[in-house]
Amino acid sequence: MRWGEIAAGCRIVPGSVPLLCPGSSFNENLTLRSLGGISDAVKTEKRKGAARLLQLVQRRAGVSRRKAQELIEVGEVELNGSVSRDPFLGLEEGALQSLKLRGQPLSLLPPQPRVYRYYKPVGQLCTHDDPHSGNTLGRVLRAEGFIGYSWAGRLDQDAEGLVVVTNDGELLHRLTHPRYRVKKIYHVWLASTPSSQQIKPIFADMRRGVEEGGQTLRILDGRLGGRPARAIVTLAEGRKREIKRLFAYFGMDVVRLKRVAIGPVQLGGLAPGSIARLTGQELEQVDRFAERLFSRSGHSGVET
């Protein structure tokens, strides 16, 4: 079995040999059919006879549209042996001979889309590289052979929980762009947990929105649950340290923050520092979810 065929959770230890897990029920055609990602994009390229450089870098490197545009504009992309800084350069079919990102060749063939869920532990940075820390998500993924992958669901260094890892740039875009309003669920432990009656009006105010730091911060839903009791909060936006700022506004200190869901993807029983490839059923849910995002991208509702 190949590392790419992992179906069960496997712990990632930087610099280690990947653990191989038995039994995969993954159906390769699920995401190829209608995620609106790499496979469909290639068909579109062939129909139109041209593709933008931005699209090619996004799909071949597995990065978001924004990141692909940034990499091109700063001169990190070579097209047919020359640096190109125009993200919107159109390429006729057959015109692409070579494509490099930061000196490394990118495949001219589209990769098979893969989607994983990862439990980011406390202390790890959600960035590809950092000059002051070797404990970054990007370094851990590269050490385990995840080349051309990026993730949806940035978390602060002292937060933990679910991050969606994929090489499908279009899926990344749909999970992260604010216009899609993808629902995310968090468990929040407080230094002192109020009673249900005490926190009920606070959650009501959070749903209406509060002004803090020149921004309007709000939640979609909030309640107490679990033992010991914690706040369970749902957001559809990702402002910097939004949850901690919201609770601080009401005089409450967050001592632990854990994300448990992004759209249809659940953290489940995954252990900190572990990664698992989505099962066939999970991929079907992501498939349908991505189709809804594509077909309803102009509306202002929240996608779950």
C-alpha atoms as a PDB file:
ATOM      1  CA  MET A   1       0.000   0.000   0.000  1.00  0.00           C
ATOM      2  CA  ARG A   2       1.222   3.481  -0.811  1.00  0.00           C
ATOM      3  CA  TRP A   3       1.322   6.339   1.714  1.00  0.00           C
ATOM      4  CA  GLY A   4      -1.236   8.137  -0.460  1.00  0.00           C
ATOM      5  CA  GLU A   5      -3.700   5.323   0.219  1.00  0.00           C
ATOM      6  CA  ILE A   6      -3.943   5.937   3.956  1.00  0.00           C
ATOM      7  CA  ALA A   7      -7.524   5.524   5.146  1.00  0.00           C
ATOM      8  CA  ALA A   8      -7.190   5.361   8.924  1.00  0.00           C
ATOM      9  CA  GLY A   9      -5.574   7.896  11.251  1.00  0.00           C
ATOM     10  CA  CYS A  10      -1.771   7.813  11.333  1.00  0.00           C
ATOM     11  CA  ARG A  11       0.394   9.870  13.630  1.00  0.00           C
ATOM     12  CA  ILE A  12       2.818  12.256  11.952  1.00  0.00           C
ATOM     13  CA  VAL A  13       6.190  12.681  13.624  1.00  0.00           C
ATOM     14  CA  PRO A  14       8.471  15.152  11.796  1.00  0.00           C
ATOM     15  CA  GLY A  15      11.299  13.299  10.072  1.00  0.00           C
ATOM     16  CA  SER A  16       9.768   9.856  10.589  1.00  0.00           C
ATOM     17  CA  VAL A  17       8.840   7.220   8.048  1.00  0.00           C
ATOM     18  CA  PRO A  18       5.111   7.426   7.294  1.00  0.00           C
ATOM     19  CA  LEU A  19       2.955   4.818   8.994  1.00  0.00           C
ATOM     20  CA  LEU A  20       0.911   2.776   6.535  1.00  0.00           C
ATOM     21  CA  CYS A  21      -2.609   1.896   7.543  1.00  0.00           C
ATOM     22  CA  PRO A  22      -4.631  -1.038   6.246  1.00  0.00           C
ATOM     23  CA  GLY A  23      -7.928  -1.077   4.452  1.00  0.00           C
ATOM     24  CA  SER A  24      -8.972   1.814   2.276  1.00  0.00           C
ATOM     25  CA  SER A  25     -12.524   2.177   0.951  1.00  0.00           C
ATOM     26  CA  PHE A  26     -11.633   5.318  -1.005  1.00  0.00           C
ATOM     27  CA  ASN A  27     -13.241   5.694  -4.402  1.00  0.00           C
ATOM     28  CA  GLU A  28     -10.886   7.672  -6.668  1.00  0.00           C
ATOM     29  CA  ASN A  29     -13.724   8.853  -8.911  1.00  0.00           C
ATOM     30  CA  LEU A  30     -15.667  10.653  -6.186  1.00  0.00           C
ATOM     31  CA  THR A  31     -13.652  13.853  -6.219  1.00  0.00           C
ATOM     32  CA  LEU A  32     -12.759  13.570  -9.877  1.00  0.00           C
ATOM     33  CA  ARG A  33     -16.410  13.698 -10.811  1.00  0.00           C
ATOM     34  CA  SER A  34     -17.684  17.016  -9.535  1.00  0.00           C
ATOM     35  CA  LEU A  35     -15.579  18.739  -6.904  1.00  0.00           C
ATOM     36  CA  GLY A  36     -15.139  21.541  -9.411  1.00  0.00           C
ATOM     37  CA  GLY A  37     -11.418  21.050  -8.911  1.00  0.00           C
ATOM     38  CA  ILE A  38      -8.585  19.730 -10.994  1.00  0.00           C
ATOM     39  CA  SER A  39     -10.355  17.161 -13.168  1.00  0.00           C
ATOM     40  CA  ASP A  40     -13.235  19.401 -14.225  1.00  0.00           C
ATOM     41  CA  ALA A  41     -10.824  22.303 -14.657  1.00  0.00           C
ATOM     42  CA  VAL A  42      -8.712  20.351 -17.125  1.00  0.00           C
ATOM     43  CA  LYS A  43     -11.810  19.514 -19.153  1.00  0.00           C
ATOM     44  CA  THR A  44     -12.693  23.198 -19.171  1.00  0.00           C
ATOM     45  CA  GLU A  45      -9.194  24.100 -20.338  1.00  0.00           C
ATOM     46  CA  LYS A  46      -9.493  21.687 -23.241  1.00  0.00           C
ATOM     47  CA  ARG A  47     -12.912  22.972 -24.239  1.00  0.00           C
ATOM     48  CA  LYS A  48     -11.845  26.605 -24.212  1.00  0.00           C
ATOM     49  CA  GLY A  49      -8.430  25.920 -25.715  1.00  0.00           C
ATOM     50  CA  ALA A  50      -6.755  28.313 -23.251  1.00  0.00           C
ATOM     51  CA  ALA A  51      -6.046  28.563 -19.555  1.00  0.00           C
ATOM     52  CA  ARG A  52      -4.722  31.305 -17.308  1.00  0.00           C
ATOM     53  CA  LEU A  53      -1.279  30.886 -15.780  1.00  0.00           C
ATOM     54  CA  LEU A  54      -2.914  31.565 -12.421  1.00  0.00           C
ATOM     55  CA  GLN A  55      -5.186  28.549 -12.857  1.00  0.00           C
ATOM     56  CA  LEU A  56      -2.353  26.249 -13.872  1.00  0.00           C
ATOM     57  CA  VAL A  57      -0.184  27.148 -10.876  1.00  0.00           C
ATOM     58  CA  GLN A  58      -3.159  26.822  -8.544  1.00  0.00           C
ATOM     59  CA  ARG A  59      -4.031  23.344  -9.788  1.00  0.00           C
ATOM     60  CA  ARG A  60      -0.543  21.959 -10.269  1.00  0.00           C
ATOM     61  CA  ALA A  61       0.861  23.263  -6.960  1.00  0.00           C
ATOM     62  CA  GLY A  62      -2.281  22.711  -4.887  1.00  0.00           C
ATOM     63  CA  VAL A  63      -2.378  26.272  -3.547  1.00  0.00           C
ATOM     64  CA  SER A  64      -5.170  28.812  -3.254  1.00  0.00           C
ATOM     65  CA  ARG A  65      -5.866  31.303  -6.049  1.00  0.00           C
ATOM     66  CA  ARG A  66      -4.584  34.142  -3.907  1.00  0.00           C
ATOM     67  CA  LYS A  67      -1.321  32.326  -3.167  1.00  0.00           C
ATOM     68  CA  ALA A  68      -0.854  31.344  -6.819  1.00  0.00           C
ATOM     69  CA  GLN A  69      -1.288  34.968  -7.897  1.00  0.00           C
ATOM     70  CA  GLU A  70       1.174  36.142  -5.238  1.00  0.00           C
ATOM     71  CA  LEU A  71       3.821  33.584  -6.297  1.00  0.00           C
ATOM     72  CA  ILE A  72       3.536  34.609  -9.943  1.00  0.00           C
ATOM     73  CA  GLU A  73       3.678  38.342  -9.259  1.00  0.00           C
ATOM     74  CA  VAL A  74       6.865  38.078  -7.143  1.00  0.00           C
ATOM     75  CA  GLY A  75       8.643  36.102  -9.888  1.00  0.00           C
ATOM     76  CA  GLU A  76       8.625  32.617  -8.368  1.00  0.00           C
ATOM     77  CA  VAL A  77       7.071  30.987 -11.446  1.00  0.00           C
ATOM     78  CA  GLU A  78       8.937  30.075 -14.638  1.00  0.00           C
ATOM     79  CA  LEU A  79       6.967  29.326 -17.774  1.00  0.00           C
ATOM     80  CA  ASN A  80       8.784  27.600 -20.636  1.00  0.00           C
ATOM     81  CA  GLY A  81      12.135  28.606 -19.131  1.00  0.00           C
ATOM     82  CA  SER A  82      11.349  32.281 -18.465  1.00  0.00           C
ATOM     83  CA  VAL A  83       9.960  34.080 -15.424  1.00  0.00           C
ATOM     84  CA  SER A  84       6.386  35.215 -15.937  1.00  0.00           C
ATOM     85  CA  ARG A  85       4.782  37.798 -13.633  1.00  0.00           C
ATOM     86  CA  ASP A  86       1.365  37.949 -15.322  1.00  0.00           C
ATOM     87  CA  PRO A  87      -1.138  35.764 -13.409  1.00  0.00           C
ATOM     88  CA  PHE A  88      -3.751  36.231 -16.123  1.00  0.00           C
ATOM     89  CA  LEU A  89      -1.551  35.245 -19.042  1.00  0.00           C
ATOM     90  CA  GLY A  90      -3.569  33.029 -21.374  1.00  0.00           C
ATOM     91  CA  LEU A  91      -2.004  29.797 -22.628  1.00  0.00           C
ATOM     92  CA  GLU A  92      -3.284  28.048 -25.717  1.00  0.00           C
ATOM     93  CA  GLU A  93      -3.495  24.275 -25.620  1.00  0.00           C
ATOM     94  CA  GLY A  94      -0.101  22.756 -26.414  1.00  0.00           C
ATOM     95  CA  ALA A  95       1.808  25.964 -25.602  1.00  0.00           C
ATOM     96  CA  LEU A  96       2.938  24.741 -22.183  1.00  0.00           C
ATOM     97  CA  GLN A  97       6.340  23.031 -22.352  1.00  0.00           C
ATOM     98  CA  SER A  98       7.595  23.479 -18.779  1.00  0.00           C
ATOM     99  CA  LEU A  99       6.373  25.008 -15.531  1.00  0.00           C
ATOM    100  CA  LYS A 100       8.482  25.622 -12.425  1.00  0.00           C
ATOM    101  CA  LEU A 101       7.672  26.962  -8.979  1.00  0.00           C
ATOM    102  CA  ARG A 102      10.590  28.247  -6.902  1.00  0.00           C
ATOM    103  CA  GLY A 103      12.971  26.374  -9.169  1.00  0.00           C
ATOM    104  CA  GLN A 104      11.167  23.047  -8.830  1.00  0.00           C
ATOM    105  CA  PRO A 105       9.357  21.584 -11.862  1.00  0.00           C
ATOM    106  CA  LEU A 106       5.620  21.153 -11.614  1.00  0.00           C
ATOM    107  CA  SER A 107       3.964  18.259 -13.363  1.00  0.00           C
ATOM    108  CA  LEU A 108       2.249  19.120 -16.622  1.00  0.00           C
ATOM    109  CA  LEU A 109      -0.284  16.409 -15.822  1.00  0.00           C
ATOM    110  CA  PRO A 110      -2.956  17.170 -13.232  1.00  0.00           C
ATOM    111  CA  PRO A 111      -2.579  15.306  -9.919  1.00  0.00           C
ATOM    112  CA  GLN A 112      -5.366  13.162  -8.506  1.00  0.00           C
ATOM    113  CA  PRO A 113      -7.277  15.273  -5.979  1.00  0.00           C
ATOM    114  CA  ARG A 114      -6.766  14.105  -2.403  1.00  0.00           C
ATOM    115  CA  VAL A 115      -8.400  15.365   0.793  1.00  0.00           C
ATOM    116  CA  TYR A 116      -7.237  14.668   4.357  1.00  0.00           C
ATOM    117  CA  ARG A 117      -8.207  15.825   7.807  1.00  0.00           C
ATOM    118  CA  TYR A 118      -5.398  16.752  10.175  1.00  0.00           C
ATOM    119  CA  TYR A 119      -5.343  17.470  13.922  1.00  0.00           C
ATOM    120  CA  LYS A 120      -3.072  20.481  14.409  1.00  0.00           C
ATOM    121  CA  PRO A 121      -1.584  20.259  17.898  1.00  0.00           C
ATOM    122  CA  VAL A 122      -1.000  23.184  20.228  1.00  0.00           C
ATOM    123  CA  GLY A 123       2.366  24.828  19.540  1.00  0.00           C
ATOM    124  CA  GLN A 124       2.443  24.221  15.793  1.00  0.00           C
ATOM    125  CA  LEU A 125       2.346  27.161  13.387  1.00  0.00           C
ATOM    126  CA  CYS A 126      -0.155  27.115  10.521  1.00  0.00           C
ATOM    127  CA  THR A 127       2.366  28.288   7.949  1.00  0.00           C
ATOM    128  CA  HIS A 128       4.631  26.680   5.382  1.00  0.00           C
ATOM    129  CA  ASP A 129       7.864  27.998   6.910  1.00  0.00           C
ATOM    130  CA  ASP A 130       8.908  30.286   9.746  1.00  0.00           C
ATOM    131  CA  PRO A 131      12.422  31.672  10.359  1.00  0.00           C
ATOM    132  CA  HIS A 132      12.012  31.347  14.125  1.00  0.00           C
ATOM    133  CA  SER A 133      10.376  27.917  14.406  1.00  0.00           C
ATOM    134  CA  GLY A 134      10.809  24.539  12.747  1.00  0.00           C
ATOM    135  CA  ASN A 135       7.462  23.334  14.038  1.00  0.00           C
ATOM    136  CA  THR A 136       5.295  24.413  11.120  1.00  0.00           C
ATOM    137  CA  LEU A 137       2.502  22.522   9.417  1.00  0.00           C
ATOM    138  CA  GLY A 138       4.178  23.015   6.035  1.00  0.00           C
ATOM    139  CA  ARG A 139       7.419  21.380   7.166  1.00  0.00           C
ATOM    140  CA  VAL A 140       5.605  18.440   8.743  1.00  0.00           C
ATOM    141  CA  LEU A 141       3.616  17.822   5.559  1.00  0.00           C
ATOM    142  CA  ARG A 142       6.668  18.045   3.297  1.00  0.00           C
ATOM    143  CA  ALA A 143       8.583  15.645   5.538  1.00  0.00           C
ATOM    144  CA  GLU A 144       5.809  13.100   5.057  1.00  0.00           C
ATOM    145  CA  GLY A 145       5.673  13.450   1.268  1.00  0.00           C
ATOM    146  CA  PHE A 146       2.784  15.901   0.947  1.00  0.00           C
ATOM    147  CA  ILE A 147       4.270  17.899  -1.925  1.00  0.00           C
ATOM    148  CA  GLY A 148       1.966  20.427  -3.559  1.00  0.00           C
ATOM    149  CA  TYR A 149      -0.498  20.360  -0.656  1.00  0.00           C
ATOM    150  CA  SER A 150      -1.947  23.238   1.314  1.00  0.00           C
ATOM    151  CA  TRP A 151      -4.739  23.557   3.855  1.00  0.00           C
ATOM    152  CA  ALA A 152      -7.985  25.235   4.745  1.00  0.00           C
ATOM    153  CA  GLY A 153      -8.545  26.341   8.301  1.00  0.00           C
ATOM    154  CA  ARG A 154      -5.794  28.475   9.778  1.00  0.00           C
ATOM    155  CA  LEU A 155      -5.419  28.196  13.563  1.00  0.00           C
ATOM    156  CA  ASP A 156      -3.399  30.260  16.039  1.00  0.00           C
ATOM    157  CA  GLN A 157      -0.278  28.647  17.513  1.00  0.00           C
ATOM    158  CA  ASP A 158      -1.978  28.098  20.876  1.00  0.00           C
ATOM    159  CA  ALA A 159      -5.139  26.659  19.305  1.00  0.00           C
ATOM    160  CA  GLU A 160      -5.694  23.074  18.155  1.00  0.00           C
ATOM    161  CA  GLY A 161      -7.981  20.953  16.061  1.00  0.00           C
ATOM    162  CA  LEU A 162      -9.162  20.337  12.523  1.00  0.00           C
ATOM    163  CA  VAL A 163      -7.335  21.485   9.410  1.00  0.00           C
ATOM    164  CA  VAL A 164      -8.373  20.232   5.941  1.00  0.00           C
ATOM    165  CA  VAL A 165      -5.311  19.292   3.857  1.00  0.00           C
ATOM    166  CA  THR A 166      -5.674  18.926   0.079  1.00  0.00           C
ATOM    167  CA  ASN A 167      -3.924  19.318  -3.273  1.00  0.00           C
ATOM    168  CA  ASP A 168      -7.133  20.624  -4.875  1.00  0.00           C
ATOM    169  CA  GLY A 169      -6.664  24.372  -5.224  1.00  0.00           C
ATOM    170  CA  GLU A 170     -10.259  25.009  -6.223  1.00  0.00           C
ATOM    171  CA  LEU A 171     -11.604  23.188  -3.181  1.00  0.00           C
ATOM    172  CA  LEU A 172      -9.191  25.197  -1.023  1.00  0.00           C
ATOM    173  CA  HIS A 173     -10.529  28.402  -2.543  1.00  0.00           C
ATOM    174  CA  ARG A 174     -14.117  27.435  -1.811  1.00  0.00           C
ATOM    175  CA  LEU A 175     -13.392  26.418   1.766  1.00  0.00           C
ATOM    176  CA  THR A 176     -11.452  29.582   2.600  1.00  0.00           C
ATOM    177  CA  HIS A 177     -12.927  32.472   0.605  1.00  0.00           C
ATOM    178  CA  PRO A 178     -15.173  34.659   2.824  1.00  0.00           C
ATOM    179  CA  ARG A 179     -17.964  34.849   0.225  1.00  0.00           C
ATOM    180  CA  TYR A 180     -18.753  31.138   0.669  1.00  0.00           C
ATOM    181  CA  ARG A 181     -19.338  31.545   4.433  1.00  0.00           C
ATOM    182  CA  VAL A 182     -18.348  27.985   5.299  1.00  0.00           C
ATOM    183  CA  LYS A 183     -19.491  27.033   8.796  1.00  0.00           C
ATOM    184  CA  LYS A 184     -16.812  26.112  11.373  1.00  0.00           C
ATOM    185  CA  ILE A 185     -17.463  24.696  14.855  1.00  0.00           C
ATOM    186  CA  TYR A 186     -15.216  25.238  17.885  1.00  0.00           C
ATOM    187  CA  HIS A 187     -15.079  23.953  21.449  1.00  0.00           C
ATOM    188  CA  VAL A 188     -14.043  26.715  23.842  1.00  0.00           C
ATOM    189  CA  TRP A 189     -12.865  26.121  27.418  1.00  0.00           C
ATOM    190  CA  LEU A 190     -13.056  29.165  29.685  1.00  0.00           C
ATOM    191  CA  ALA A 191     -11.086  30.032  32.829  1.00  0.00           C
ATOM    192  CA  SER A 192     -14.422  30.288  34.634  1.00  0.00           C
ATOM    193  CA  THR A 193     -17.464  28.748  32.957  1.00  0.00           C
ATOM    194  CA  PRO A 194     -20.741  30.578  33.629  1.00  0.00           C
ATOM    195  CA  SER A 195     -24.033  28.774  33.997  1.00  0.00           C
ATOM    196  CA  SER A 196     -26.380  28.268  31.060  1.00  0.00           C
ATOM    197  CA  GLN A 197     -28.612  31.067  32.308  1.00  0.00           C
ATOM    198  CA  GLN A 198     -25.668  33.438  32.707  1.00  0.00           C
ATOM    199  CA  ILE A 199     -24.185  32.799  29.265  1.00  0.00           C
ATOM    200  CA  LYS A 200     -27.479  32.716  27.340  1.00  0.00           C
ATOM    201  CA  PRO A 201     -27.766  36.532  26.954  1.00  0.00           C
ATOM    202  CA  ILE A 202     -24.036  36.703  26.122  1.00  0.00           C
ATOM    203  CA  PHE A 203     -24.500  34.287  23.232  1.00  0.00           C
ATOM    204  CA  ALA A 204     -27.491  36.357  22.090  1.00  0.00           C
ATOM    205  CA  ASP A 205     -25.300  39.469  21.984  1.00  0.00           C
ATOM    206  CA  MET A 206     -22.583  37.549  20.133  1.00  0.00           C
ATOM    207  CA  ARG A 207     -25.104  36.471  17.493  1.00  0.00           C
ATOM    208  CA  ARG A 208     -26.193  40.083  16.995  1.00  0.00           C
ATOM    209  CA  GLY A 209     -22.544  41.156  16.775  1.00  0.00           C
ATOM    210  CA  VAL A 210     -20.254  43.326  18.883  1.00  0.00           C
ATOM    211  CA  GLU A 211     -17.897  46.112  17.815  1.00  0.00           C
ATOM    212  CA  GLU A 212     -14.290  45.438  18.788  1.00  0.00           C
ATOM    213  CA  GLY A 213     -11.104  46.815  17.313  1.00  0.00           C
ATOM    214  CA  GLY A 214     -12.966  48.523  14.472  1.00  0.00           C
ATOM    215  CA  GLN A 215     -14.591  45.248  13.386  1.00  0.00           C
ATOM    216  CA  THR A 216     -17.962  43.618  13.926  1.00  0.00           C
ATOM    217  CA  LEU A 217     -17.474  40.207  15.506  1.00  0.00           C
ATOM    218  CA  ARG A 218     -20.318  37.700  15.637  1.00  0.00           C
ATOM    219  CA  ILE A 219     -21.161  34.026  15.940  1.00  0.00           C
ATOM    220  CA  LEU A 220     -23.842  31.984  14.200  1.00  0.00           C
ATOM    221  CA  ASP A 221     -24.638  29.896  17.252  1.00  0.00           C
ATOM    222  CA  GLY A 222     -23.432  29.286  20.788  1.00  0.00           C
ATOM    223  CA  ARG A 223     -24.306  26.919  23.613  1.00  0.00           C
ATOM    224  CA  LEU A 224     -22.807  25.075  26.555  1.00  0.00           C
ATOM    225  CA  GLY A 225     -22.118  21.356  26.285  1.00  0.00           C
ATOM    226  CA  GLY A 226     -19.825  18.526  27.266  1.00  0.00           C
ATOM    227  CA  ARG A 227     -18.327  17.433  30.569  1.00  0.00           C
ATOM    228  CA  PRO A 228     -16.584  19.391  31.889  1.00  0.00           C
ATOM    229  CA  ALA A 229     -18.754  22.128  30.406  1.00  0.00           C
ATOM    230  CA  ARG A 230     -17.404  24.145  27.501  1.00  0.00           C
ATOM    231  CA  ALA A 231     -18.801  26.651  25.031  1.00  0.00           C
ATOM    232  CA  ILE A 232     -19.613  25.255  21.587  1.00  0.00           C
ATOM    233  CA  VAL A 233     -19.440  28.083  19.071  1.00  0.00           C
ATOM    234  CA  THR A 234     -20.192  28.212  15.342  1.00  0.00           C
ATOM    235  CA  LEU A 235     -18.654  30.821  13.028  1.00  0.00           C
ATOM    236  CA  ALA A 236     -18.914  31.573   9.311  1.00  0.00           C
ATOM    237  CA  GLU A 237     -15.961  33.953   9.133  1.00  0.00           C
ATOM    238  CA  GLY A 238     -12.379  33.869  10.304  1.00  0.00           C
ATOM    239  CA  ARG A 239     -11.205  37.185  11.666  1.00  0.00           C
ATOM    240  CA  LYS A 240      -7.927  37.112  13.558  1.00  0.00           C
ATOM    241  CA  ARG A 241      -8.378  35.658  17.074  1.00  0.00           C
ATOM    242  CA  GLU A 242     -12.101  36.257  16.722  1.00  0.00           C
ATOM    243  CA  ILE A 243     -13.315  33.798  19.352  1.00  0.00           C
ATOM    244  CA  LYS A 244     -10.857  34.978  22.008  1.00  0.00           C
ATOM    245  CA  ARG A 245     -11.710  38.594  21.273  1.00  0.00           C
ATOM    246  CA  LEU A 246     -15.437  37.888  21.539  1.00  0.00           C
ATOM    247  CA  PHE A 247     -15.178  36.231  24.927  1.00  0.00           C
ATOM    248  CA  ALA A 248     -12.694  38.847  26.175  1.00  0.00           C
ATOM    249  CA  TYR A 249     -15.255  41.518  25.254  1.00  0.00           C
ATOM    250  CA  PHE A 250     -17.541  39.970  27.877  1.00  0.00           C
ATOM    251  CA  GLY A 251     -14.753  39.575  30.454  1.00  0.00           C
ATOM    252  CA  MET A 252     -14.070  35.881  29.917  1.00  0.00           C
ATOM    253  CA  ASP A 253     -10.673  34.287  29.294  1.00  0.00           C
ATOM    254  CA  VAL A 254     -10.273  31.405  26.828  1.00  0.00           C
ATOM    255  CA  VAL A 255      -7.853  28.768  28.146  1.00  0.00           C
ATOM    256  CA  ARG A 256      -8.276  26.192  25.368  1.00  0.00           C
ATOM    257  CA  LEU A 257      -9.632  26.417  21.824  1.00  0.00           C
ATOM    258  CA  LYS A 258     -10.284  23.420  19.595  1.00  0.00           C
ATOM    259  CA  ARG A 259     -11.899  23.342  16.121  1.00  0.00           C
ATOM    260  CA  VAL A 260     -13.963  20.222  15.508  1.00  0.00           C
ATOM    261  CA  ALA A 261     -15.594  20.830  12.094  1.00  0.00           C
ATOM    262  CA  ILE A 262     -15.139  22.705   8.806  1.00  0.00           C
ATOM    263  CA  GLY A 263     -18.225  22.406   6.629  1.00  0.00           C
ATOM    264  CA  PRO A 264     -18.988  18.674   6.336  1.00  0.00           C
ATOM    265  CA  VAL A 265     -15.516  17.563   7.501  1.00  0.00           C
ATOM    266  CA  GLN A 266     -15.366  16.447  11.141  1.00  0.00           C
ATOM    267  CA  LEU A 267     -12.321  16.046  13.391  1.00  0.00           C
ATOM    268  CA  GLY A 268     -13.821  12.906  14.887  1.00  0.00           C
ATOM    269  CA  GLY A 269     -11.558  10.808  17.114  1.00  0.00           C
ATOM    270  CA  LEU A 270      -8.322  11.866  15.453  1.00  0.00           C
ATOM    271  CA  ALA A 271      -5.409  12.300  17.881  1.00  0.00           C
ATOM    272  CA  PRO A 272      -3.241  15.442  17.988  1.00  0.00           C
ATOM    273  CA  GLY A 273      -0.595  15.386  15.242  1.00  0.00           C
ATOM    274  CA  SER A 274      -2.458  12.715  13.254  1.00  0.00           C
ATOM    275  CA  ILE A 275      -3.723  12.775   9.694  1.00  0.00           C
ATOM    276  CA  ALA A 276      -6.351  10.643   7.959  1.00  0.00           C
ATOM    277  CA  ARG A 277      -7.521  10.453   4.381  1.00  0.00           C
ATOM    278  CA  LEU A 278     -11.238  11.016   4.057  1.00  0.00           C
ATOM    279  CA  THR A 279     -13.329   7.886   3.640  1.00  0.00           C
ATOM    280  CA  GLY A 280     -15.553   7.287   0.639  1.00  0.00           C
ATOM    281  CA  GLN A 281     -18.633   8.487   2.524  1.00  0.00           C
ATOM    282  CA  GLU A 282     -16.847  11.618   3.719  1.00  0.00           C
ATOM    283  CA  LEU A 283     -15.680  12.374   0.195  1.00  0.00           C
ATOM    284  CA  GLU A 284     -19.222  12.048  -1.093  1.00  0.00           C
ATOM    285  CA  GLN A 285     -20.271  14.655   1.462  1.00  0.00           C
ATOM    286  CA  VAL A 286     -17.430  16.974   0.423  1.00  0.00           C
ATOM    287  CA  ASP A 287     -18.349  16.374  -3.222  1.00  0.00           C
ATOM    288  CA  ARG A 288     -21.954  17.467  -2.683  1.00  0.00           C
ATOM    289  CA  PHE A 289     -20.842  20.353  -0.477  1.00  0.00           C
ATOM    290  CA  ALA A 290     -18.448  21.680  -3.125  1.00  0.00           C
ATOM    291  CA  GLU A 291     -21.164  21.443  -5.776  1.00  0.00           C
ATOM    292  CA  ARG A 292     -23.482  23.535  -3.590  1.00  0.00           C
ATOM    293  CA  LEU A 293     -20.770  26.134  -3.043  1.00  0.00           C
ATOM    294  CA  PHE A 294     -20.225  26.389  -6.796  1.00  0.00           C
ATOM    295  CA  SER A 295     -23.906  26.586  -7.717  1.00  0.00           C
ATOM    296  CA  ARG A 296     -24.853  29.002  -4.916  1.00  0.00           C
ATOM    297  CA  SER A 297     -21.688  31.119  -4.701  1.00  0.00           C
ATOM    298  CA  GLY A 298     -23.642  34.327  -5.242  1.00  0.00           C
ATOM    299  CA  HIS A 299     -25.922  33.959  -2.223  1.00  0.00           C
ATOM    300  CA  SER A 300     -25.197  35.264   1.272  1.00  0.00           C
ATOM    301  CA  GLY A 301     -26.267  32.254   3.308  1.00  0.00           C
ATOM    302  CA  VAL A 302     -24.075  29.938   5.343  1.00  0.00           C
ATOM    303  CA  GLU A 303     -22.877  26.576   4.032  1.00  0.00           C
ATOM    304  CA  THR A 304     -22.587  23.704   6.499  1.00  0.00           C
END
